[in-house]
Amino acid sequence: MVEYRIDRRSGVATYVQIVQQTKQALRLGLLEPGDKLPTAREVVEATAINPNTVLKAYRELEREGLVEARRGLGTFVRKSLGLTPVDSPLRAELGAWAVRARETGLERDDVAALFTSVLDEQFSTDRRDRKDQGDEA
C-alpha cells in the first residue's frame, strides 16, 4: 500500500502531491491493478490533511482512468503506468549517481535541477528526432 508524504513547503498543492505520488507508485509497480488505495480516513490520520483534499486527488485519478471508486468498498487501481520496476538496474545506476552527486556537495534541489535539465535535453531531442524522421518519410 502506498504511504503519502506531504511536503507543505514545496509550493505544490496537497492534492497534486497525492496524485503525483500515486502515479509514481503506478510507474514503479508498487501499485498494480486491483490494489486498494488507502481510505481517505487513513490518509488524513497519516498526514493531517483535510479529507476533501484526499477525495479531490482520488477524483482526479478516477477522471484520468487510473482508479475507480467502489461504493462502500474503497478506491481501487484500474491500470498501471510505465514499465519501470523498483528493482530495475537503471534504478541502481541512478542511485549510485545520486550518491556521487551528494558526495560532491550537491543539495537535493541542485540534483533535481540537474536531473530535470538532462531529462529535458534528452526527451526534447528525442521528440525532434522523431518529428524529423516523420518529415523525411
N, C-alpha and C. Protein backbone atom coordinates (compact mmCIF):
# COMPACT_ATOMS: atom_id res chain seq x y z
N MET A 1 0.85 -1.19 0.00
CA MET A 1 0.00 0.00 0.00
C MET A 1 0.89 1.24 0.00
N VAL A 2 0.45 2.25 -0.67
CA VAL A 2 1.20 3.49 -0.77
C VAL A 2 1.02 4.31 0.51
N GLU A 3 2.10 4.96 0.93
CA GLU A 3 2.04 5.87 2.07
C GLU A 3 2.39 7.26 1.55
N TYR A 4 1.46 8.17 1.67
CA TYR A 4 1.66 9.52 1.13
C TYR A 4 2.48 10.37 2.10
N ARG A 5 3.40 11.15 1.53
CA ARG A 5 4.20 12.10 2.29
C ARG A 5 3.92 13.49 1.72
N ILE A 6 3.44 14.36 2.55
CA ILE A 6 3.07 15.70 2.12
C ILE A 6 4.17 16.68 2.51
N ASP A 7 4.65 17.42 1.52
CA ASP A 7 5.66 18.46 1.76
C ASP A 7 4.94 19.81 1.70
N ARG A 8 4.67 20.36 2.85
CA ARG A 8 3.91 21.61 2.93
C ARG A 8 4.71 22.82 2.44
N ARG A 9 6.03 22.66 2.29
CA ARG A 9 6.87 23.78 1.84
C ARG A 9 7.16 23.73 0.34
N SER A 10 6.65 22.73 -0.34
CA SER A 10 7.01 22.52 -1.75
C SER A 10 6.36 23.53 -2.69
N GLY A 11 5.25 24.11 -2.28
CA GLY A 11 4.53 25.01 -3.19
C GLY A 11 3.61 24.25 -4.12
N VAL A 12 3.59 22.92 -4.03
CA VAL A 12 2.71 22.09 -4.85
C VAL A 12 1.47 21.78 -4.03
N ALA A 13 0.31 21.96 -4.63
CA ALA A 13 -0.94 21.71 -3.93
C ALA A 13 -0.95 20.29 -3.36
N THR A 14 -1.53 20.15 -2.18
CA THR A 14 -1.53 18.87 -1.49
C THR A 14 -2.18 17.77 -2.32
N TYR A 15 -3.31 18.07 -2.95
CA TYR A 15 -3.98 17.03 -3.74
C TYR A 15 -3.12 16.62 -4.93
N VAL A 16 -2.37 17.57 -5.49
CA VAL A 16 -1.48 17.26 -6.61
C VAL A 16 -0.35 16.34 -6.14
N GLN A 17 0.16 16.56 -4.94
CA GLN A 17 1.19 15.68 -4.40
C GLN A 17 0.67 14.25 -4.27
N ILE A 18 -0.57 14.09 -3.85
CA ILE A 18 -1.16 12.76 -3.73
C ILE A 18 -1.28 12.12 -5.12
N VAL A 19 -1.74 12.89 -6.08
CA VAL A 19 -1.86 12.38 -7.46
C VAL A 19 -0.48 11.98 -7.98
N GLN A 20 0.51 12.84 -7.81
CA GLN A 20 1.86 12.56 -8.30
C GLN A 20 2.45 11.32 -7.64
N GLN A 21 2.28 11.19 -6.33
CA GLN A 21 2.84 10.04 -5.61
C GLN A 21 2.14 8.75 -6.01
N THR A 22 0.84 8.82 -6.28
CA THR A 22 0.12 7.64 -6.74
C THR A 22 0.61 7.23 -8.12
N LYS A 23 0.79 8.21 -9.00
CA LYS A 23 1.29 7.90 -10.35
C LYS A 23 2.70 7.32 -10.30
N GLN A 24 3.52 7.85 -9.40
CA GLN A 24 4.87 7.31 -9.27
C GLN A 24 4.81 5.86 -8.81
N ALA A 25 3.95 5.56 -7.85
CA ALA A 25 3.80 4.18 -7.37
C ALA A 25 3.30 3.27 -8.49
N LEU A 26 2.44 3.79 -9.35
CA LEU A 26 1.96 3.01 -10.50
C LEU A 26 3.09 2.75 -11.50
N ARG A 27 3.92 3.76 -11.75
CA ARG A 27 5.03 3.61 -12.69
C ARG A 27 6.08 2.62 -12.19
N LEU A 28 6.28 2.60 -10.89
CA LEU A 28 7.30 1.74 -10.31
C LEU A 28 6.79 0.33 -9.99
N GLY A 29 5.51 0.12 -10.23
CA GLY A 29 4.95 -1.19 -9.95
C GLY A 29 4.65 -1.44 -8.48
N LEU A 30 4.70 -0.38 -7.67
CA LEU A 30 4.36 -0.52 -6.26
C LEU A 30 2.86 -0.66 -6.07
N LEU A 31 2.10 -0.13 -7.02
CA LEU A 31 0.65 -0.31 -7.07
C LEU A 31 0.33 -0.98 -8.39
N GLU A 32 -0.55 -1.97 -8.34
CA GLU A 32 -0.93 -2.71 -9.54
C GLU A 32 -2.45 -2.75 -9.63
N PRO A 33 -2.97 -3.03 -10.83
CA PRO A 33 -4.43 -3.13 -10.97
C PRO A 33 -5.02 -4.08 -9.94
N GLY A 34 -6.09 -3.61 -9.32
CA GLY A 34 -6.76 -4.39 -8.28
C GLY A 34 -6.38 -3.98 -6.88
N ASP A 35 -5.22 -3.32 -6.73
CA ASP A 35 -4.80 -2.87 -5.40
C ASP A 35 -5.74 -1.78 -4.89
N LYS A 36 -5.94 -1.78 -3.59
CA LYS A 36 -6.79 -0.78 -2.95
C LYS A 36 -5.94 0.37 -2.43
N LEU A 37 -6.37 1.59 -2.71
CA LEU A 37 -5.71 2.77 -2.15
C LEU A 37 -6.13 2.93 -0.70
N PRO A 38 -5.32 3.62 0.10
CA PRO A 38 -5.74 3.88 1.48
C PRO A 38 -7.04 4.68 1.49
N THR A 39 -7.85 4.46 2.50
CA THR A 39 -9.08 5.24 2.60
C THR A 39 -8.72 6.69 2.90
N ALA A 40 -9.66 7.58 2.64
CA ALA A 40 -9.44 9.00 2.94
C ALA A 40 -9.12 9.16 4.42
N ARG A 41 -9.81 8.42 5.26
CA ARG A 41 -9.59 8.50 6.71
C ARG A 41 -8.15 8.10 7.05
N GLU A 42 -7.64 7.02 6.43
CA GLU A 42 -6.27 6.58 6.69
C GLU A 42 -5.26 7.64 6.26
N VAL A 43 -5.51 8.26 5.12
CA VAL A 43 -4.59 9.30 4.63
C VAL A 43 -4.63 10.50 5.56
N VAL A 44 -5.82 10.88 5.99
CA VAL A 44 -5.98 12.02 6.92
C VAL A 44 -5.24 11.74 8.22
N GLU A 45 -5.38 10.54 8.76
CA GLU A 45 -4.71 10.19 10.02
C GLU A 45 -3.19 10.21 9.87
N ALA A 46 -2.69 9.80 8.71
CA ALA A 46 -1.24 9.73 8.49
C ALA A 46 -0.62 11.09 8.15
N THR A 47 -1.42 11.98 7.56
CA THR A 47 -0.84 13.22 7.04
C THR A 47 -1.43 14.50 7.63
N ALA A 48 -2.51 14.38 8.37
CA ALA A 48 -3.19 15.55 8.97
C ALA A 48 -3.63 16.56 7.91
N ILE A 49 -4.20 16.05 6.81
CA ILE A 49 -4.76 16.95 5.80
C ILE A 49 -6.27 16.80 5.79
N ASN A 50 -6.93 17.70 5.11
CA ASN A 50 -8.39 17.70 5.03
C ASN A 50 -8.87 16.52 4.18
N PRO A 51 -9.91 15.81 4.64
CA PRO A 51 -10.42 14.67 3.86
C PRO A 51 -10.86 15.06 2.45
N ASN A 52 -11.37 16.28 2.29
CA ASN A 52 -11.79 16.73 0.95
C ASN A 52 -10.61 16.80 -0.01
N THR A 53 -9.43 17.07 0.52
CA THR A 53 -8.22 17.12 -0.31
C THR A 53 -7.91 15.73 -0.86
N VAL A 54 -8.03 14.72 -0.02
CA VAL A 54 -7.79 13.34 -0.44
C VAL A 54 -8.82 12.95 -1.49
N LEU A 55 -10.07 13.28 -1.23
CA LEU A 55 -11.14 12.93 -2.17
C LEU A 55 -10.95 13.64 -3.51
N LYS A 56 -10.47 14.87 -3.48
CA LYS A 56 -10.20 15.60 -4.72
C LYS A 56 -9.10 14.89 -5.52
N ALA A 57 -8.06 14.44 -4.85
CA ALA A 57 -6.98 13.72 -5.53
C ALA A 57 -7.50 12.43 -6.13
N TYR A 58 -8.28 11.69 -5.37
CA TYR A 58 -8.82 10.41 -5.85
C TYR A 58 -9.77 10.64 -7.03
N ARG A 59 -10.55 11.72 -6.99
CA ARG A 59 -11.44 12.04 -8.13
C ARG A 59 -10.62 12.35 -9.38
N GLU A 60 -9.50 13.06 -9.20
CA GLU A 60 -8.62 13.37 -10.33
C GLU A 60 -8.05 12.07 -10.93
N LEU A 61 -7.60 11.17 -10.08
CA LEU A 61 -7.08 9.88 -10.54
C LEU A 61 -8.17 9.08 -11.24
N GLU A 62 -9.39 9.18 -10.74
CA GLU A 62 -10.51 8.47 -11.37
C GLU A 62 -10.83 9.09 -12.72
N ARG A 63 -10.81 10.42 -12.79
CA ARG A 63 -11.07 11.11 -14.05
C ARG A 63 -10.06 10.69 -15.12
N GLU A 64 -8.82 10.43 -14.69
CA GLU A 64 -7.77 10.01 -15.62
C GLU A 64 -7.84 8.51 -15.94
N GLY A 65 -8.79 7.82 -15.32
CA GLY A 65 -8.98 6.40 -15.60
C GLY A 65 -8.00 5.48 -14.90
N LEU A 66 -7.29 5.98 -13.90
CA LEU A 66 -6.29 5.19 -13.21
C LEU A 66 -6.86 4.39 -12.05
N VAL A 67 -7.90 4.92 -11.43
CA VAL A 67 -8.53 4.24 -10.30
C VAL A 67 -10.04 4.28 -10.47
N GLU A 68 -10.71 3.46 -9.68
CA GLU A 68 -12.17 3.52 -9.65
C GLU A 68 -12.65 3.40 -8.22
N ALA A 69 -13.64 4.21 -7.90
CA ALA A 69 -14.24 4.16 -6.57
C ALA A 69 -15.37 3.13 -6.61
N ARG A 70 -15.37 2.25 -5.63
CA ARG A 70 -16.44 1.26 -5.50
C ARG A 70 -17.17 1.57 -4.20
N ARG A 71 -18.38 2.00 -4.35
CA ARG A 71 -19.18 2.45 -3.21
C ARG A 71 -19.17 1.41 -2.08
N GLY A 72 -18.75 1.86 -0.91
CA GLY A 72 -18.74 1.00 0.26
C GLY A 72 -17.53 0.08 0.36
N LEU A 73 -16.71 0.04 -0.69
CA LEU A 73 -15.55 -0.85 -0.70
C LEU A 73 -14.22 -0.10 -0.69
N GLY A 74 -14.17 1.06 -1.33
CA GLY A 74 -12.93 1.83 -1.40
C GLY A 74 -12.58 2.21 -2.82
N THR A 75 -11.35 2.64 -3.00
CA THR A 75 -10.85 3.08 -4.30
C THR A 75 -9.77 2.10 -4.73
N PHE A 76 -9.91 1.60 -5.96
CA PHE A 76 -9.04 0.55 -6.46
C PHE A 76 -8.34 0.97 -7.74
N VAL A 77 -7.12 0.47 -7.91
CA VAL A 77 -6.32 0.76 -9.11
C VAL A 77 -6.94 0.03 -10.29
N ARG A 78 -7.10 0.76 -11.40
CA ARG A 78 -7.64 0.17 -12.63
C ARG A 78 -6.53 -0.23 -13.59
N LYS A 79 -5.48 0.61 -13.68
CA LYS A 79 -4.38 0.29 -14.60
C LYS A 79 -3.08 0.85 -14.08
N SER A 80 -1.99 0.29 -14.59
CA SER A 80 -0.67 0.75 -14.17
C SER A 80 -0.12 1.73 -15.20
N LEU A 81 1.00 2.31 -14.88
CA LEU A 81 1.67 3.25 -15.78
C LEU A 81 3.11 2.80 -15.98
N GLY A 82 3.60 2.92 -17.17
CA GLY A 82 5.02 2.67 -17.42
C GLY A 82 5.45 1.25 -17.17
N LEU A 83 6.73 1.04 -17.35
CA LEU A 83 7.33 -0.29 -17.20
C LEU A 83 8.63 -0.20 -16.43
N THR A 84 8.67 0.55 -15.34
CA THR A 84 9.90 0.74 -14.59
C THR A 84 9.80 0.07 -13.23
N PRO A 85 10.16 -1.21 -13.14
CA PRO A 85 10.06 -1.88 -11.84
C PRO A 85 11.06 -1.31 -10.84
N VAL A 86 10.71 -1.42 -9.57
CA VAL A 86 11.56 -0.92 -8.50
C VAL A 86 12.95 -1.53 -8.55
N ASP A 87 13.05 -2.79 -8.98
CA ASP A 87 14.35 -3.47 -9.00
C ASP A 87 15.09 -3.33 -10.33
N SER A 88 14.72 -2.34 -11.13
CA SER A 88 15.38 -2.11 -12.41
C SER A 88 16.86 -1.79 -12.21
N PRO A 89 17.73 -2.32 -13.08
CA PRO A 89 19.16 -1.97 -13.00
C PRO A 89 19.39 -0.46 -13.17
N LEU A 90 18.52 0.18 -13.91
CA LEU A 90 18.65 1.63 -14.09
C LEU A 90 18.47 2.36 -12.77
N ARG A 91 17.60 1.84 -11.90
CA ARG A 91 17.40 2.46 -10.60
C ARG A 91 18.68 2.39 -9.77
N ALA A 92 19.36 1.25 -9.84
CA ALA A 92 20.61 1.09 -9.11
C ALA A 92 21.67 2.06 -9.64
N GLU A 93 21.74 2.21 -10.95
CA GLU A 93 22.69 3.16 -11.54
C GLU A 93 22.37 4.59 -11.12
N LEU A 94 21.10 4.92 -11.16
CA LEU A 94 20.69 6.26 -10.76
C LEU A 94 20.98 6.50 -9.29
N GLY A 95 20.77 5.47 -8.47
CA GLY A 95 21.08 5.58 -7.04
C GLY A 95 22.56 5.85 -6.81
N ALA A 96 23.41 5.14 -7.54
CA ALA A 96 24.86 5.35 -7.42
C ALA A 96 25.23 6.77 -7.86
N TRP A 97 24.60 7.23 -8.93
CA TRP A 97 24.85 8.59 -9.41
C TRP A 97 24.44 9.61 -8.35
N ALA A 98 23.28 9.39 -7.71
CA ALA A 98 22.80 10.32 -6.68
C ALA A 98 23.76 10.34 -5.49
N VAL A 99 24.31 9.19 -5.14
CA VAL A 99 25.29 9.14 -4.05
C VAL A 99 26.51 9.98 -4.42
N ARG A 100 27.01 9.83 -5.65
CA ARG A 100 28.17 10.63 -6.10
C ARG A 100 27.84 12.11 -6.11
N ALA A 101 26.65 12.47 -6.56
CA ALA A 101 26.24 13.87 -6.58
C ALA A 101 26.23 14.45 -5.17
N ARG A 102 25.71 13.68 -4.25
CA ARG A 102 25.65 14.13 -2.85
C ARG A 102 27.06 14.27 -2.26
N GLU A 103 27.93 13.31 -2.58
CA GLU A 103 29.30 13.35 -2.08
C GLU A 103 30.08 14.55 -2.61
N THR A 104 29.68 15.07 -3.77
CA THR A 104 30.35 16.25 -4.31
C THR A 104 29.81 17.54 -3.71
N GLY A 105 28.80 17.39 -2.83
CA GLY A 105 28.28 18.56 -2.14
C GLY A 105 26.99 19.12 -2.70
N LEU A 106 26.41 18.47 -3.69
CA LEU A 106 25.16 18.97 -4.24
C LEU A 106 24.02 18.74 -3.26
N GLU A 107 23.13 19.70 -3.18
CA GLU A 107 21.93 19.60 -2.36
C GLU A 107 20.83 18.93 -3.19
N ARG A 108 19.79 18.50 -2.53
CA ARG A 108 18.66 17.83 -3.21
C ARG A 108 18.12 18.67 -4.36
N ASP A 109 17.90 19.96 -4.12
CA ASP A 109 17.36 20.83 -5.18
C ASP A 109 18.33 20.96 -6.35
N ASP A 110 19.64 20.97 -6.05
CA ASP A 110 20.64 21.02 -7.12
C ASP A 110 20.57 19.77 -7.98
N VAL A 111 20.48 18.63 -7.33
CA VAL A 111 20.40 17.35 -8.05
C VAL A 111 19.13 17.30 -8.89
N ALA A 112 18.02 17.73 -8.31
CA ALA A 112 16.75 17.73 -9.04
C ALA A 112 16.83 18.64 -10.27
N ALA A 113 17.43 19.81 -10.11
CA ALA A 113 17.56 20.74 -11.23
C ALA A 113 18.44 20.15 -12.33
N LEU A 114 19.56 19.55 -11.92
CA LEU A 114 20.47 18.94 -12.89
C LEU A 114 19.78 17.79 -13.62
N PHE A 115 19.12 16.93 -12.88
CA PHE A 115 18.45 15.78 -13.48
C PHE A 115 17.34 16.24 -14.43
N THR A 116 16.54 17.20 -14.00
CA THR A 116 15.46 17.72 -14.84
C THR A 116 16.02 18.33 -16.12
N SER A 117 17.13 19.04 -16.01
CA SER A 117 17.76 19.64 -17.18
C SER A 117 18.17 18.56 -18.19
N VAL A 118 18.78 17.49 -17.70
CA VAL A 118 19.19 16.40 -18.58
C VAL A 118 17.98 15.73 -19.20
N LEU A 119 16.95 15.48 -18.41
CA LEU A 119 15.72 14.89 -18.95
C LEU A 119 15.14 15.75 -20.05
N ASP A 120 15.07 17.05 -19.80
CA ASP A 120 14.53 17.97 -20.80
C ASP A 120 15.34 17.91 -22.09
N GLU A 121 16.66 17.91 -21.97
CA GLU A 121 17.52 17.82 -23.15
C GLU A 121 17.28 16.52 -23.91
N GLN A 122 17.30 15.41 -23.19
CA GLN A 122 17.20 14.10 -23.83
C GLN A 122 15.84 13.87 -24.47
N PHE A 123 14.79 14.25 -23.79
CA PHE A 123 13.47 13.95 -24.31
C PHE A 123 13.00 14.98 -25.32
N SER A 124 13.47 16.21 -25.27
CA SER A 124 13.10 17.15 -26.32
C SER A 124 13.85 16.81 -27.60
N THR A 125 15.10 16.35 -27.50
CA THR A 125 15.87 15.92 -28.66
C THR A 125 15.20 14.70 -29.28
N ASP A 126 14.74 13.77 -28.46
CA ASP A 126 14.08 12.57 -28.93
C ASP A 126 12.83 12.93 -29.73
N ARG A 127 12.04 13.89 -29.24
CA ARG A 127 10.84 14.32 -29.95
C ARG A 127 11.20 14.97 -31.28
N ARG A 128 12.24 15.81 -31.29
CA ARG A 128 12.66 16.46 -32.54
C ARG A 128 13.12 15.43 -33.56
N ASP A 129 13.89 14.44 -33.08
CA ASP A 129 14.38 13.40 -33.99
C ASP A 129 13.23 12.64 -34.63
N ARG A 130 12.24 12.27 -33.83
CA ARG A 130 11.09 11.54 -34.36
C ARG A 130 10.32 12.40 -35.35
N LYS A 131 10.20 13.69 -35.03
CA LYS A 131 9.49 14.59 -35.92
C LYS A 131 10.25 14.72 -37.24
N ASP A 132 11.58 14.88 -37.15
CA ASP A 132 12.40 14.99 -38.36
C ASP A 132 12.30 13.73 -39.21
N GLN A 133 12.31 12.57 -38.58
CA GLN A 133 12.21 11.30 -39.31
C GLN A 133 10.84 11.20 -39.98
N GLY A 134 9.80 11.69 -39.31
CA GLY A 134 8.47 11.69 -39.89
C GLY A 134 8.37 12.60 -41.09
N ASP A 135 9.10 13.73 -41.06
CA ASP A 135 9.10 14.67 -42.17
C ASP A 135 9.76 14.09 -43.39
N GLU A 136 10.77 13.20 -43.16
CA GLU A 136 11.52 12.64 -44.28
C GLU A 136 10.76 11.48 -44.92
N ALA A 137 9.86 10.88 -44.19
CA ALA A 137 9.17 9.68 -44.71
C ALA A 137 8.21 9.99 -45.83
